[in-house]
């Protein structure tokens, strides 16, 4: 075997071992648990009976699954929508490079840097029905106190908090994308009489498409598996229950689920992985289609 081949294997070995231990092995174990009916006793003894897809049918066929699935999609879609557009607006704003722009941009990163425990506790205090600053502010306009953390409003409470947490991520990624756009394009557009809005829609937004796609994909995956901020604020009760918090509650017997259901939790976890994979493949397909379109366009110009 060549020295270069041995060196390549040596450099790749730590990464491969890391992936096998911390990614592949847990994934295989999760899928295995979803195909066996585990209880406290069989989890210890390892003698869980084979159930095949029976547990999948039970979970997917339940009314609670579809209610939770709908709440999860509302949580993910609304969060990503506002995170992206607010983050993009801030990125365009800070791209002007005015005085103190660096300082203010750094201040917007604070939510991203704070531990989820601190962020969740802060929002829980702010949304307190009796003493929260949000209700006190709304009271100045004659609005009655809103029970943000109760069952009926808990979904909107965690959405607001999650949007606040996700804006810095979108701001950083999109701002980096804006830095790679050639300023000469804007100068040429100005000579053609384009205003700021036309420059954004005809130059900025189209050229940010690759960055936008990866930002939305990462945001989707991260938001889909969010547990910490929801659990700290509401313990996933009421309308704030998502597939991720439901799986967590069943796996550890906490919150609204006092009975441990290892296999059911593994099924929900596997479904979350499948949903994320679907959107990952959609991203890869869109990226491949865009690259093919660019190649076709270049070959057409050469002709």
Protein backbone atom coordinates (compact mmCIF):
# COMPACT_ATOMS: atom_id res chain seq x y z
CA UNK A 1 0.00 0.00 0.00
CA UNK A 2 1.33 3.43 -0.94
CA UNK A 3 2.52 5.87 1.71
CA UNK A 4 0.04 8.50 0.48
CA UNK A 5 -2.83 6.00 0.87
CA UNK A 6 -1.75 5.12 4.41
CA UNK A 7 -1.50 8.81 5.27
CA UNK A 8 -4.99 9.45 3.89
CA UNK A 9 -6.40 6.55 5.95
CA UNK A 10 -4.61 7.86 9.03
CA UNK A 11 -6.11 11.33 8.65
CA UNK A 12 -9.60 9.97 7.90
CA UNK A 13 -9.62 7.32 10.63
CA UNK A 14 -10.40 9.65 13.59
CA UNK A 15 -13.34 11.18 11.72
CA UNK A 16 -14.67 7.77 10.65
CA UNK A 17 -14.38 6.42 14.21
CA UNK A 18 -16.12 9.51 15.57
CA UNK A 19 -18.99 9.15 13.08
CA UNK A 20 -19.38 5.45 13.83
CA UNK A 21 -19.49 5.93 17.62
CA UNK A 22 -21.55 9.11 17.91
CA UNK A 23 -23.75 9.02 14.78
CA UNK A 24 -24.06 5.61 13.13
CA UNK A 25 -24.25 3.51 16.32
CA UNK A 26 -26.98 5.65 18.00
CA UNK A 27 -28.95 5.76 14.73
CA UNK A 28 -28.83 1.97 14.37
CA UNK A 29 -29.81 1.56 18.03
CA UNK A 30 -32.73 3.96 17.62
CA UNK A 31 -34.05 2.10 14.57
CA UNK A 32 -33.59 -1.23 16.37
CA UNK A 33 -35.56 0.01 19.38
CA UNK A 34 -38.36 1.19 17.10
CA UNK A 35 -38.67 -2.36 15.72
CA UNK A 36 -38.78 -4.06 19.14
CA UNK A 37 -41.28 -3.59 21.94
CA UNK A 38 -39.19 -2.30 24.82
CA UNK A 39 -40.26 -1.94 28.46
CA UNK A 40 -38.22 -1.07 31.55
CA UNK A 41 -37.40 -4.73 32.07
CA UNK A 42 -36.58 -5.63 28.46
CA UNK A 43 -34.52 -2.46 28.13
CA UNK A 44 -32.23 -3.77 30.88
CA UNK A 45 -32.25 -7.42 29.83
CA UNK A 46 -32.14 -6.73 26.09
CA UNK A 47 -34.83 -9.34 25.43
CA UNK A 48 -37.41 -7.07 23.79
CA UNK A 49 -39.68 -9.01 21.41
CA UNK A 50 -39.64 -8.22 17.69
CA UNK A 51 -42.61 -6.11 16.61
CA UNK A 52 -41.66 -5.06 13.08
CA UNK A 53 -43.68 -2.09 11.90
CA UNK A 54 -46.49 -2.63 14.42
CA UNK A 55 -45.36 0.23 16.66
CA UNK A 56 -45.04 2.53 13.64
CA UNK A 57 -48.64 1.72 12.73
CA UNK A 58 -49.80 2.38 16.29
CA UNK A 59 -48.01 5.73 16.55
CA UNK A 60 -48.90 7.02 13.07
CA UNK A 61 -52.46 5.76 13.42
CA UNK A 62 -53.07 7.64 16.66
CA UNK A 63 -54.94 10.95 16.75
CA UNK A 64 -52.27 12.47 19.01
CA UNK A 65 -49.59 11.94 16.37
CA UNK A 66 -51.38 13.96 13.71
CA UNK A 67 -52.29 16.74 16.11
CA UNK A 68 -48.65 16.91 17.24
CA UNK A 69 -47.43 16.70 13.64
CA UNK A 70 -49.61 19.70 12.70
CA UNK A 71 -48.36 21.72 15.68
CA UNK A 72 -44.79 20.81 14.76
CA UNK A 73 -45.23 22.05 11.20
CA UNK A 74 -46.82 25.31 12.41
CA UNK A 75 -43.94 25.80 14.85
CA UNK A 76 -41.28 25.09 12.21
CA UNK A 77 -42.76 27.00 9.25
CA UNK A 78 -43.71 30.17 11.14
CA UNK A 79 -40.40 30.22 13.01
CA UNK A 80 -38.31 29.81 9.85
CA UNK A 81 -40.38 32.34 7.91
CA UNK A 82 -39.86 35.16 10.40
CA UNK A 83 -36.29 34.15 11.29
CA UNK A 84 -35.27 34.30 7.65
CA UNK A 85 -36.96 37.55 6.63
CA UNK A 86 -36.03 39.45 9.79
CA UNK A 87 -32.48 38.09 9.56
CA UNK A 88 -32.28 39.10 5.88
CA UNK A 89 -33.60 42.61 6.62
CA UNK A 90 -30.99 43.04 9.37
CA UNK A 91 -28.22 41.64 7.14
CA UNK A 92 -29.07 44.13 4.37
CA UNK A 93 -29.23 46.91 6.95
CA UNK A 94 -25.82 46.10 8.47
CA UNK A 95 -24.30 45.63 5.02
CA UNK A 96 -24.32 49.41 4.67
CA UNK A 97 -21.24 49.56 6.95
CA UNK A 98 -22.27 52.66 8.89
CA UNK A 99 -20.71 53.74 12.17
CA UNK A 100 -21.29 51.34 15.07
CA UNK A 101 -22.61 48.70 12.64
CA UNK A 102 -20.10 46.18 13.98
CA UNK A 103 -21.08 46.88 17.59
CA UNK A 104 -24.79 46.65 16.88
CA UNK A 105 -24.32 43.49 14.82
CA UNK A 106 -22.47 41.95 17.74
CA UNK A 107 -25.33 42.90 20.07
CA UNK A 108 -27.75 40.99 17.87
CA UNK A 109 -25.68 37.85 18.41
CA UNK A 110 -26.42 37.81 22.16
CA UNK A 111 -29.54 35.57 21.85
CA UNK A 112 -27.48 33.04 19.90
CA UNK A 113 -24.70 33.02 22.52
CA UNK A 114 -26.92 32.66 25.58
CA UNK A 115 -27.50 29.14 26.96
CA UNK A 116 -31.01 27.84 26.18
CA UNK A 117 -31.71 27.60 29.91
CA UNK A 118 -31.15 31.34 30.31
CA UNK A 119 -33.15 32.24 27.19
CA UNK A 120 -36.06 29.98 28.11
CA UNK A 121 -36.21 31.22 31.69
CA UNK A 122 -36.05 34.83 30.54
CA UNK A 123 -38.95 34.41 28.11
CA UNK A 124 -40.89 32.47 30.71
CA UNK A 125 -40.55 35.40 33.10
CA UNK A 126 -41.40 37.97 30.41
CA UNK A 127 -44.55 36.05 29.46
CA UNK A 128 -45.78 35.57 33.00
CA UNK A 129 -49.51 36.39 33.05
CA UNK A 130 -49.38 38.47 36.24
CA UNK A 131 -45.95 40.09 36.37
CA UNK A 132 -44.51 39.65 32.87
CA UNK A 133 -43.22 42.73 31.09
CA UNK A 134 -45.04 41.76 27.88
CA UNK A 135 -48.46 41.83 29.51
CA UNK A 136 -47.59 45.03 31.36
CA UNK A 137 -46.65 46.64 28.03
CA UNK A 138 -49.86 45.43 26.37
CA UNK A 139 -51.79 46.74 29.37
CA UNK A 140 -50.70 50.27 28.45
CA UNK A 141 -52.90 49.91 25.36
CA UNK A 142 -55.84 48.45 27.27
CA UNK A 143 -55.16 44.83 26.31
CA UNK A 144 -56.19 42.27 28.92
CA UNK A 145 -53.48 39.95 30.30
CA UNK A 146 -52.70 37.01 28.00
CA UNK A 147 -51.92 33.62 29.53
CA UNK A 148 -49.03 32.99 27.19
CA UNK A 149 -47.79 29.78 28.80
CA UNK A 150 -51.16 28.11 29.17
CA UNK A 151 -52.36 25.34 26.84
CA UNK A 152 -54.20 27.50 24.29
CA UNK A 153 -51.42 30.07 23.76
CA UNK A 154 -48.31 28.02 24.54
CA UNK A 155 -47.53 27.31 20.87
CA UNK A 156 -47.38 31.01 20.03
CA UNK A 157 -45.28 31.67 23.12
CA UNK A 158 -42.57 29.19 22.10
CA UNK A 159 -42.73 30.38 18.46
CA UNK A 160 -41.98 33.95 19.54
CA UNK A 161 -39.07 32.81 21.71
CA UNK A 162 -37.70 30.55 18.98
CA UNK A 163 -37.86 33.33 16.37
CA UNK A 164 -35.83 35.53 18.71
CA UNK A 165 -33.26 32.74 19.10
CA UNK A 166 -32.97 32.01 15.37
CA UNK A 167 -32.61 35.54 14.00
CA UNK A 168 -28.87 35.86 14.85
CA UNK A 169 -28.05 32.64 12.95
CA UNK A 170 -29.83 33.88 9.83
CA UNK A 171 -28.23 37.31 10.23
CA UNK A 172 -24.69 35.89 10.34
CA UNK A 173 -25.10 33.50 7.39
CA UNK A 174 -26.94 35.96 5.15
CA UNK A 175 -24.58 38.82 6.02
CA UNK A 176 -21.66 36.61 4.92
CA UNK A 177 -23.49 35.94 1.68
CA UNK A 178 -23.99 39.64 1.06
CA UNK A 179 -20.26 40.24 1.45
CA UNK A 180 -19.61 38.05 -1.60
CA UNK A 181 -21.85 40.07 -3.95
CA UNK A 182 -19.85 42.31 -6.27
CA UNK A 183 -20.60 45.97 -5.50
CA UNK A 184 -20.05 46.82 -9.17
CA UNK A 185 -23.44 45.23 -9.89
CA UNK A 186 -25.15 47.79 -7.66
CA UNK A 187 -23.25 50.65 -9.30
CA UNK A 188 -24.29 49.43 -12.74
CA UNK A 189 -27.90 49.14 -11.57
CA UNK A 190 -27.78 52.70 -10.25
CA UNK A 191 -26.63 53.94 -13.65
CA UNK A 192 -29.62 52.14 -15.17
CA UNK A 193 -31.94 54.01 -12.83
CA UNK A 194 -32.80 51.17 -10.43
CA UNK A 195 -33.97 52.18 -6.96
CA UNK A 196 -33.07 50.36 -3.72
CA UNK A 197 -36.08 48.03 -3.91
CA UNK A 198 -35.31 47.02 -7.49
CA UNK A 199 -31.67 46.39 -6.62
CA UNK A 200 -32.77 44.07 -3.82
CA UNK A 201 -35.17 41.98 -5.93
CA UNK A 202 -33.07 41.91 -9.11
CA UNK A 203 -29.56 41.60 -7.64
CA UNK A 204 -29.40 40.84 -3.92
CA UNK A 205 -32.16 38.27 -3.55
CA UNK A 206 -31.31 36.18 -6.68
CA UNK A 207 -27.58 36.09 -5.88
CA UNK A 208 -28.35 35.04 -2.30
CA UNK A 209 -30.26 31.98 -3.49
CA UNK A 210 -27.51 29.40 -2.69
CA UNK A 211 -27.00 30.90 0.77
CA UNK A 212 -30.76 31.12 1.29
CA UNK A 213 -31.23 27.44 0.47
CA UNK A 214 -28.63 26.20 2.95
CA UNK A 215 -29.84 28.66 5.60
CA UNK A 216 -33.42 27.43 5.29
CA UNK A 217 -32.34 23.79 5.32
CA UNK A 218 -30.22 24.19 8.46
CA UNK A 219 -32.94 26.27 10.07
CA UNK A 220 -35.54 23.62 9.27
CA UNK A 221 -33.48 20.76 10.73
CA UNK A 222 -32.55 22.73 13.85
CA UNK A 223 -36.11 23.94 14.47
CA UNK A 224 -37.60 20.51 13.81
CA UNK A 225 -35.55 18.96 16.62
CA UNK A 226 -35.87 21.83 19.08
CA UNK A 227 -36.63 20.62 22.59
CA UNK A 228 -34.77 22.80 25.09
CA UNK A 229 -36.53 26.16 24.69
CA UNK A 230 -39.98 24.52 24.52
CA UNK A 231 -39.36 22.26 27.49
CA UNK A 232 -38.03 25.07 29.67
CA UNK A 233 -40.96 27.34 28.90
CA UNK A 234 -43.96 24.96 28.78
CA UNK A 235 -42.66 21.38 29.13
CA UNK A 236 -44.34 20.77 25.79
CA UNK A 237 -47.80 21.02 27.26
CA UNK A 238 -50.93 21.98 25.32
CA UNK A 239 -50.45 23.29 21.81
CA UNK A 240 -46.68 23.61 22.27
CA UNK A 241 -46.21 19.85 22.05
CA UNK A 242 -44.06 18.97 19.03
CA UNK A 243 -42.78 15.66 17.76
CA UNK A 244 -39.40 16.31 19.40
CA UNK A 245 -40.84 17.12 22.86
CA UNK A 246 -43.33 14.25 22.55
CA UNK A 247 -40.49 11.82 21.86
CA UNK A 248 -38.47 13.23 24.76
CA UNK A 249 -41.41 12.96 27.17
CA UNK A 250 -42.10 9.34 26.20
CA UNK A 251 -38.42 8.33 26.38
CA UNK A 252 -37.85 9.73 29.87
CA UNK A 253 -41.36 9.65 31.32
CA UNK A 254 -41.42 13.35 32.07
CA UNK A 255 -43.91 16.18 31.79
CA UNK A 256 -47.29 15.15 30.43
CA UNK A 257 -46.15 11.54 29.80
CA UNK A 258 -45.46 9.76 33.08
CA UNK A 259 -45.16 6.33 31.40
CA UNK A 260 -41.88 5.48 29.72
CA UNK A 261 -42.39 4.29 26.13
CA UNK A 262 -38.96 3.60 24.68
CA UNK A 263 -40.13 2.06 21.42
CA UNK A 264 -42.76 4.74 20.69
CA UNK A 265 -40.18 7.45 21.39
CA UNK A 266 -37.76 5.76 18.97
CA UNK A 267 -40.47 5.63 16.30
CA UNK A 268 -41.11 9.37 16.60
CA UNK A 269 -37.36 10.00 16.54
CA UNK A 270 -37.01 7.95 13.37
CA UNK A 271 -39.89 9.84 11.75
CA UNK A 272 -38.13 13.13 12.58
CA UNK A 273 -34.98 11.84 10.90
CA UNK A 274 -36.95 10.82 7.81
CA UNK A 275 -38.62 14.25 7.58
CA UNK A 276 -35.22 15.95 7.81
CA UNK A 277 -33.81 13.61 5.14
CA UNK A 278 -36.68 14.40 2.78
CA UNK A 279 -35.93 18.11 2.96
CA UNK A 280 -32.19 17.43 2.65
CA UNK A 281 -32.80 15.51 -0.59
CA UNK A 282 -35.04 18.31 -1.85
CA UNK A 283 -32.18 20.75 -1.18
CA UNK A 284 -29.69 18.52 -3.03
CA UNK A 285 -32.10 18.14 -5.95
CA UNK A 286 -32.65 21.91 -6.15
CA UNK A 287 -28.91 22.56 -5.96
CA UNK A 288 -28.22 20.01 -8.68
CA UNK A 289 -30.93 21.51 -10.91
CA UNK A 290 -29.46 24.98 -10.43
CA UNK A 291 -25.95 23.79 -11.31
CA UNK A 292 -27.25 22.08 -14.45
CA UNK A 293 -29.11 25.24 -15.43
CA UNK A 294 -25.90 27.26 -15.03
CA UNK A 295 -23.95 24.80 -17.16
CA UNK A 296 -26.63 24.88 -19.85
CA UNK A 297 -26.60 28.66 -19.81
CA UNK A 298 -22.82 28.81 -20.16
CA UNK A 299 -22.79 26.33 -23.04
CA UNK A 300 -25.51 28.32 -24.80
CA UNK A 301 -23.48 31.53 -24.50
CA UNK A 302 -20.40 29.86 -25.96
CA UNK A 303 -22.40 28.77 -28.99
